[in-house]
């Protein structure tokens, strides 16, 4: 399950993530970037014209660790389905607030051209 943190890491920057001991070794990951397709697996069958991987994932296996991504991107917490740790505070130092938009959803909203934004639908 991918959970947004509301934080964004600028390209080439480094942030420090701090998690409580209770969150360690639960198969959680911090992910920087949303597009996690790996083009290396199709390298032999077709050409591609971009970097093969543009998302980075970091295991939550230490109380404090650095994250980075040369491409930058939104920061997510990837947790296993059914994880039952409950509400957990994670600190991310060195990232900025992710631009978001809170919108009301209507039947006409699904035909709008949204572009690339992060929406919180109420």
N, C-alpha and C. Protein backbone atom coordinates (compact mmCIF):
# COMPACT_ATOMS: atom_id res chain seq x y z
N UNK A 1 0.86 -1.16 0.00
CA UNK A 1 0.00 0.00 0.00
C UNK A 1 0.91 1.23 0.00
N UNK A 2 0.64 2.14 -0.88
CA UNK A 2 1.44 3.36 -1.00
C UNK A 2 0.74 4.50 -0.27
N UNK A 3 1.40 5.06 0.73
CA UNK A 3 0.83 6.15 1.53
C UNK A 3 1.61 7.44 1.29
N UNK A 4 0.95 8.50 0.85
CA UNK A 4 1.66 9.77 0.65
C UNK A 4 2.06 10.39 1.98
N UNK A 5 3.22 11.02 2.02
CA UNK A 5 3.66 11.69 3.24
C UNK A 5 3.34 13.18 3.20
N UNK A 6 3.01 13.70 2.00
CA UNK A 6 2.80 15.14 1.88
C UNK A 6 4.09 15.92 1.73
N UNK A 7 5.19 15.22 1.52
CA UNK A 7 6.49 15.86 1.38
C UNK A 7 7.06 15.58 -0.01
N UNK A 8 7.93 16.48 -0.48
CA UNK A 8 8.54 16.38 -1.80
C UNK A 8 10.04 16.58 -1.64
N UNK A 9 10.82 15.75 -2.31
CA UNK A 9 12.27 15.88 -2.30
C UNK A 9 12.72 16.48 -3.62
N UNK A 10 13.41 17.60 -3.55
CA UNK A 10 13.89 18.27 -4.77
C UNK A 10 14.96 17.41 -5.44
N UNK A 11 15.08 17.50 -6.78
CA UNK A 11 16.09 16.71 -7.50
C UNK A 11 17.49 16.92 -6.93
N UNK A 12 18.19 15.81 -6.67
CA UNK A 12 19.56 15.87 -6.20
C UNK A 12 19.73 16.17 -4.71
N UNK A 13 18.66 16.46 -4.00
CA UNK A 13 18.76 16.78 -2.57
C UNK A 13 18.77 15.50 -1.75
N UNK A 14 19.20 15.63 -0.50
CA UNK A 14 19.22 14.52 0.44
C UNK A 14 18.35 14.89 1.63
N UNK A 15 17.50 13.98 2.06
CA UNK A 15 16.68 14.19 3.25
C UNK A 15 17.02 13.09 4.27
N UNK A 16 16.75 13.39 5.53
CA UNK A 16 16.97 12.42 6.59
C UNK A 16 15.62 12.00 7.14
N UNK A 17 15.40 10.69 7.17
CA UNK A 17 14.14 10.12 7.67
C UNK A 17 14.41 9.53 9.05
N UNK A 18 13.53 9.86 10.00
CA UNK A 18 13.62 9.32 11.35
C UNK A 18 12.31 8.59 11.66
N UNK A 19 12.42 7.35 12.09
CA UNK A 19 11.24 6.54 12.39
C UNK A 19 11.37 5.96 13.80
N UNK A 20 10.26 5.63 14.45
CA UNK A 20 10.34 5.01 15.77
C UNK A 20 10.81 3.56 15.66
N UNK A 21 11.37 3.04 16.72
CA UNK A 21 11.85 1.65 16.75
C UNK A 21 10.74 0.67 16.37
N UNK A 22 9.50 0.99 16.72
CA UNK A 22 8.38 0.09 16.45
C UNK A 22 8.12 -0.10 14.95
N UNK A 23 8.66 0.80 14.11
CA UNK A 23 8.45 0.70 12.66
C UNK A 23 9.56 -0.06 11.94
N UNK A 24 10.59 -0.46 12.66
CA UNK A 24 11.73 -1.11 12.02
C UNK A 24 11.42 -2.56 11.64
N UNK A 25 12.01 -2.99 10.53
CA UNK A 25 11.94 -4.38 10.08
C UNK A 25 10.51 -4.89 9.94
N UNK A 26 9.63 -4.06 9.41
CA UNK A 26 8.22 -4.44 9.16
C UNK A 26 7.95 -4.56 7.66
N UNK A 27 9.03 -4.59 6.86
CA UNK A 27 8.92 -4.60 5.39
C UNK A 27 8.32 -3.30 4.86
N UNK A 28 8.62 -2.20 5.57
CA UNK A 28 8.21 -0.88 5.10
C UNK A 28 9.35 -0.30 4.27
N UNK A 29 8.98 0.58 3.33
CA UNK A 29 9.95 1.28 2.51
C UNK A 29 9.55 2.74 2.39
N UNK A 30 10.54 3.62 2.28
CA UNK A 30 10.29 5.00 1.89
C UNK A 30 10.62 5.06 0.41
N UNK A 31 9.70 5.61 -0.36
CA UNK A 31 9.86 5.67 -1.82
C UNK A 31 9.88 7.13 -2.25
N UNK A 32 10.86 7.49 -3.07
CA UNK A 32 10.96 8.84 -3.63
C UNK A 32 10.65 8.73 -5.12
N UNK A 33 9.53 9.31 -5.53
CA UNK A 33 9.05 9.24 -6.90
C UNK A 33 7.88 8.29 -6.99
N UNK A 34 7.04 8.50 -7.99
CA UNK A 34 5.84 7.66 -8.12
C UNK A 34 5.94 6.66 -9.26
N UNK A 35 6.65 6.98 -10.31
CA UNK A 35 6.72 6.10 -11.49
C UNK A 35 7.76 5.03 -11.23
N UNK A 36 7.32 3.85 -10.80
CA UNK A 36 8.30 2.83 -10.43
C UNK A 36 8.44 1.71 -11.45
N UNK A 37 8.09 1.99 -12.70
CA UNK A 37 8.33 1.00 -13.76
C UNK A 37 9.83 0.84 -13.96
N UNK A 38 10.27 -0.39 -14.13
CA UNK A 38 11.68 -0.70 -14.33
C UNK A 38 11.88 -1.13 -15.78
N UNK A 39 12.44 -0.25 -16.58
CA UNK A 39 12.62 -0.56 -18.00
C UNK A 39 13.75 -1.54 -18.27
N UNK A 40 14.58 -1.84 -17.28
CA UNK A 40 15.66 -2.81 -17.48
C UNK A 40 15.11 -4.17 -17.91
N UNK A 41 13.92 -4.52 -17.45
CA UNK A 41 13.39 -5.85 -17.78
C UNK A 41 12.99 -5.98 -19.25
N UNK A 42 12.81 -4.84 -19.94
CA UNK A 42 12.45 -4.91 -21.35
C UNK A 42 13.61 -4.50 -22.25
N UNK A 43 14.77 -4.33 -21.66
CA UNK A 43 15.93 -3.85 -22.41
C UNK A 43 16.23 -4.69 -23.64
N UNK A 44 16.13 -5.99 -23.51
CA UNK A 44 16.46 -6.88 -24.62
C UNK A 44 15.41 -6.85 -25.73
N UNK A 45 14.16 -6.55 -25.37
CA UNK A 45 13.09 -6.67 -26.36
C UNK A 45 12.76 -5.37 -27.09
N UNK A 46 13.12 -4.23 -26.54
CA UNK A 46 12.82 -2.98 -27.23
C UNK A 46 13.71 -1.85 -26.72
N UNK A 47 13.78 -0.81 -27.50
CA UNK A 47 14.58 0.36 -27.13
C UNK A 47 13.77 1.26 -26.20
N UNK A 48 14.48 2.02 -25.38
CA UNK A 48 13.82 3.02 -24.55
C UNK A 48 14.70 4.25 -24.50
N UNK A 49 14.08 5.39 -24.31
CA UNK A 49 14.80 6.66 -24.42
C UNK A 49 14.76 7.48 -23.13
N UNK A 50 14.85 6.81 -22.01
CA UNK A 50 14.94 7.50 -20.73
C UNK A 50 15.71 6.62 -19.76
N UNK A 51 16.02 7.14 -18.60
CA UNK A 51 16.68 6.33 -17.59
C UNK A 51 15.78 5.15 -17.26
N UNK A 52 16.35 3.97 -17.03
CA UNK A 52 15.51 2.79 -16.81
C UNK A 52 14.73 2.82 -15.50
N UNK A 53 15.26 3.48 -14.49
CA UNK A 53 14.58 3.58 -13.19
C UNK A 53 14.66 5.02 -12.71
N UNK A 54 13.52 5.59 -12.35
CA UNK A 54 13.51 6.98 -11.89
C UNK A 54 12.93 7.12 -10.48
N UNK A 55 12.66 6.00 -9.84
CA UNK A 55 12.16 5.99 -8.47
C UNK A 55 13.16 5.25 -7.60
N UNK A 56 13.34 5.73 -6.36
CA UNK A 56 14.23 5.03 -5.42
C UNK A 56 13.44 4.59 -4.21
N UNK A 57 13.78 3.41 -3.69
CA UNK A 57 13.13 2.87 -2.49
C UNK A 57 14.19 2.57 -1.44
N UNK A 58 13.86 2.87 -0.18
CA UNK A 58 14.78 2.69 0.93
C UNK A 58 14.09 1.89 2.03
N UNK A 59 14.71 0.79 2.46
CA UNK A 59 14.14 -0.05 3.51
C UNK A 59 14.12 0.71 4.83
N UNK A 60 13.04 0.58 5.56
CA UNK A 60 12.94 1.15 6.90
C UNK A 60 13.50 0.11 7.86
N UNK A 61 14.83 0.10 7.98
CA UNK A 61 15.50 -0.90 8.81
C UNK A 61 16.46 -0.29 9.83
N UNK A 62 16.47 1.04 9.91
CA UNK A 62 17.28 1.77 10.88
C UNK A 62 16.44 2.93 11.41
N UNK A 63 16.69 3.40 12.62
CA UNK A 63 15.89 4.51 13.15
C UNK A 63 16.08 5.82 12.36
N UNK A 64 17.23 5.97 11.72
CA UNK A 64 17.48 7.19 10.94
C UNK A 64 18.32 6.82 9.72
N UNK A 65 17.91 7.35 8.56
CA UNK A 65 18.64 7.06 7.33
C UNK A 65 18.41 8.17 6.31
N UNK A 66 19.30 8.24 5.33
CA UNK A 66 19.20 9.24 4.27
C UNK A 66 18.43 8.69 3.09
N UNK A 67 17.69 9.59 2.41
CA UNK A 67 17.04 9.25 1.15
C UNK A 67 17.44 10.29 0.11
N UNK A 68 17.45 9.87 -1.14
CA UNK A 68 17.77 10.79 -2.23
C UNK A 68 17.19 10.26 -3.53
N UNK A 69 17.21 11.10 -4.52
CA UNK A 69 16.80 10.71 -5.87
C UNK A 69 17.27 11.82 -6.80
N UNK A 70 18.12 11.51 -7.79
CA UNK A 70 18.58 12.57 -8.69
C UNK A 70 17.45 13.24 -9.45
N UNK A 71 16.30 12.58 -9.55
CA UNK A 71 15.14 13.13 -10.25
C UNK A 71 14.17 13.84 -9.30
N UNK A 72 14.37 13.69 -8.00
CA UNK A 72 13.44 14.25 -7.03
C UNK A 72 12.12 13.49 -7.08
N UNK A 73 11.13 14.00 -6.37
CA UNK A 73 9.81 13.39 -6.44
C UNK A 73 9.07 13.42 -5.12
N UNK A 74 7.78 13.09 -5.18
CA UNK A 74 7.00 12.99 -3.95
C UNK A 74 7.52 11.83 -3.11
N UNK A 75 7.38 11.95 -1.79
CA UNK A 75 7.86 10.92 -0.87
C UNK A 75 6.66 10.13 -0.35
N UNK A 76 6.76 8.82 -0.48
CA UNK A 76 5.69 7.92 -0.05
C UNK A 76 6.24 6.92 0.97
N UNK A 77 5.34 6.37 1.75
CA UNK A 77 5.65 5.25 2.61
C UNK A 77 4.97 4.04 2.00
N UNK A 78 5.75 3.02 1.66
CA UNK A 78 5.20 1.79 1.08
C UNK A 78 5.15 0.75 2.19
N UNK A 79 3.93 0.33 2.55
CA UNK A 79 3.75 -0.63 3.64
C UNK A 79 2.99 -1.85 3.12
N UNK A 80 3.24 -3.02 3.71
CA UNK A 80 2.52 -4.22 3.27
C UNK A 80 1.02 -4.10 3.57
N UNK A 81 0.23 -4.66 2.70
CA UNK A 81 -1.21 -4.70 2.92
C UNK A 81 -1.48 -5.45 4.23
N UNK A 82 -2.34 -4.90 5.07
CA UNK A 82 -2.65 -5.53 6.34
C UNK A 82 -1.74 -5.14 7.48
N UNK A 83 -0.80 -4.24 7.24
CA UNK A 83 0.09 -3.78 8.30
C UNK A 83 -0.74 -3.18 9.43
N UNK A 84 -0.45 -3.56 10.66
CA UNK A 84 -1.30 -3.14 11.78
C UNK A 84 -0.52 -2.39 12.85
N UNK A 85 0.45 -1.60 12.46
CA UNK A 85 1.25 -0.86 13.44
C UNK A 85 0.46 0.30 14.05
N UNK A 86 -0.54 0.79 13.32
CA UNK A 86 -1.32 1.92 13.82
C UNK A 86 -0.70 3.24 13.41
N UNK A 87 -1.14 4.30 14.04
CA UNK A 87 -0.64 5.64 13.71
C UNK A 87 0.82 5.74 14.12
N UNK A 88 1.64 6.19 13.19
CA UNK A 88 3.09 6.25 13.40
C UNK A 88 3.61 7.60 12.92
N UNK A 89 4.45 8.22 13.71
CA UNK A 89 5.06 9.50 13.32
C UNK A 89 6.41 9.24 12.66
N UNK A 90 6.55 9.79 11.47
CA UNK A 90 7.80 9.68 10.72
C UNK A 90 8.26 11.10 10.42
N UNK A 91 9.49 11.41 10.75
CA UNK A 91 10.04 12.74 10.50
C UNK A 91 10.89 12.71 9.24
N UNK A 92 10.71 13.72 8.38
CA UNK A 92 11.49 13.83 7.15
C UNK A 92 12.11 15.22 7.13
N UNK A 93 13.41 15.29 7.36
CA UNK A 93 14.12 16.57 7.40
C UNK A 93 14.87 16.77 6.09
N UNK A 94 14.62 17.90 5.43
CA UNK A 94 15.30 18.19 4.17
C UNK A 94 14.39 18.15 2.96
N UNK A 95 13.11 17.85 3.19
CA UNK A 95 12.12 17.84 2.10
C UNK A 95 11.18 19.02 2.31
N UNK A 96 10.42 19.33 1.29
CA UNK A 96 9.46 20.44 1.38
C UNK A 96 8.04 19.89 1.30
N UNK A 97 7.08 20.74 1.65
CA UNK A 97 5.68 20.34 1.57
C UNK A 97 5.30 20.09 0.12
N UNK A 98 4.60 18.99 -0.11
CA UNK A 98 4.15 18.63 -1.45
C UNK A 98 2.97 19.50 -1.84
N UNK A 99 3.01 20.12 -3.02
CA UNK A 99 1.84 20.88 -3.47
C UNK A 99 0.64 19.94 -3.60
N UNK A 100 -0.46 20.31 -2.99
CA UNK A 100 -1.67 19.48 -3.04
C UNK A 100 -2.87 20.37 -3.33
N UNK A 101 -3.93 19.72 -3.70
CA UNK A 101 -5.18 20.41 -3.95
C UNK A 101 -6.32 19.57 -3.38
N UNK A 102 -7.15 20.17 -2.56
CA UNK A 102 -8.31 19.48 -2.03
C UNK A 102 -9.49 19.86 -2.91
N UNK A 103 -10.15 18.87 -3.49
CA UNK A 103 -11.24 19.14 -4.42
C UNK A 103 -12.49 18.36 -4.02
N UNK A 104 -13.63 18.86 -4.42
CA UNK A 104 -14.86 18.10 -4.29
C UNK A 104 -15.04 17.31 -5.57
N UNK A 105 -15.34 16.04 -5.46
CA UNK A 105 -15.49 15.18 -6.62
C UNK A 105 -16.92 15.25 -7.11
N UNK A 106 -17.10 15.36 -8.40
CA UNK A 106 -18.43 15.33 -9.00
C UNK A 106 -18.38 14.45 -10.24
N UNK A 107 -19.53 14.22 -10.83
CA UNK A 107 -19.56 13.36 -12.01
C UNK A 107 -18.79 13.98 -13.17
N UNK A 108 -18.68 15.30 -13.19
CA UNK A 108 -17.93 15.93 -14.28
C UNK A 108 -16.43 15.92 -14.02
N UNK A 109 -16.01 15.65 -12.77
CA UNK A 109 -14.58 15.66 -12.43
C UNK A 109 -13.80 14.59 -13.16
N UNK A 110 -14.45 13.45 -13.46
CA UNK A 110 -13.70 12.37 -14.08
C UNK A 110 -13.39 12.63 -15.55
N UNK A 111 -13.94 13.67 -16.13
CA UNK A 111 -13.63 14.01 -17.52
C UNK A 111 -12.71 15.21 -17.63
N UNK A 112 -12.34 15.81 -16.50
CA UNK A 112 -11.46 16.98 -16.53
C UNK A 112 -10.02 16.56 -16.81
N UNK A 113 -9.27 17.40 -17.47
CA UNK A 113 -7.86 17.16 -17.72
C UNK A 113 -7.09 17.66 -16.51
N UNK A 114 -6.69 16.74 -15.62
CA UNK A 114 -6.06 17.11 -14.37
C UNK A 114 -4.58 17.41 -14.52
N UNK A 115 -3.93 16.89 -15.52
CA UNK A 115 -2.48 17.08 -15.59
C UNK A 115 -1.83 16.22 -14.52
N UNK A 116 -0.73 16.69 -13.94
CA UNK A 116 -0.01 15.93 -12.91
C UNK A 116 -0.03 16.71 -11.62
N UNK A 117 -1.03 16.47 -10.80
CA UNK A 117 -1.13 17.08 -9.48
C UNK A 117 -1.48 16.00 -8.48
N UNK A 118 -1.29 16.29 -7.22
CA UNK A 118 -1.64 15.37 -6.14
C UNK A 118 -2.94 15.88 -5.54
N UNK A 119 -4.01 15.11 -5.67
CA UNK A 119 -5.33 15.54 -5.18
C UNK A 119 -5.74 14.75 -3.95
N UNK A 120 -6.35 15.46 -3.01
CA UNK A 120 -6.99 14.82 -1.86
C UNK A 120 -8.47 15.00 -2.09
N UNK A 121 -9.17 13.90 -2.32
CA UNK A 121 -10.59 13.98 -2.67
C UNK A 121 -11.40 13.76 -1.41
N UNK A 122 -12.25 14.73 -1.12
CA UNK A 122 -13.06 14.71 0.09
C UNK A 122 -14.41 14.10 -0.18
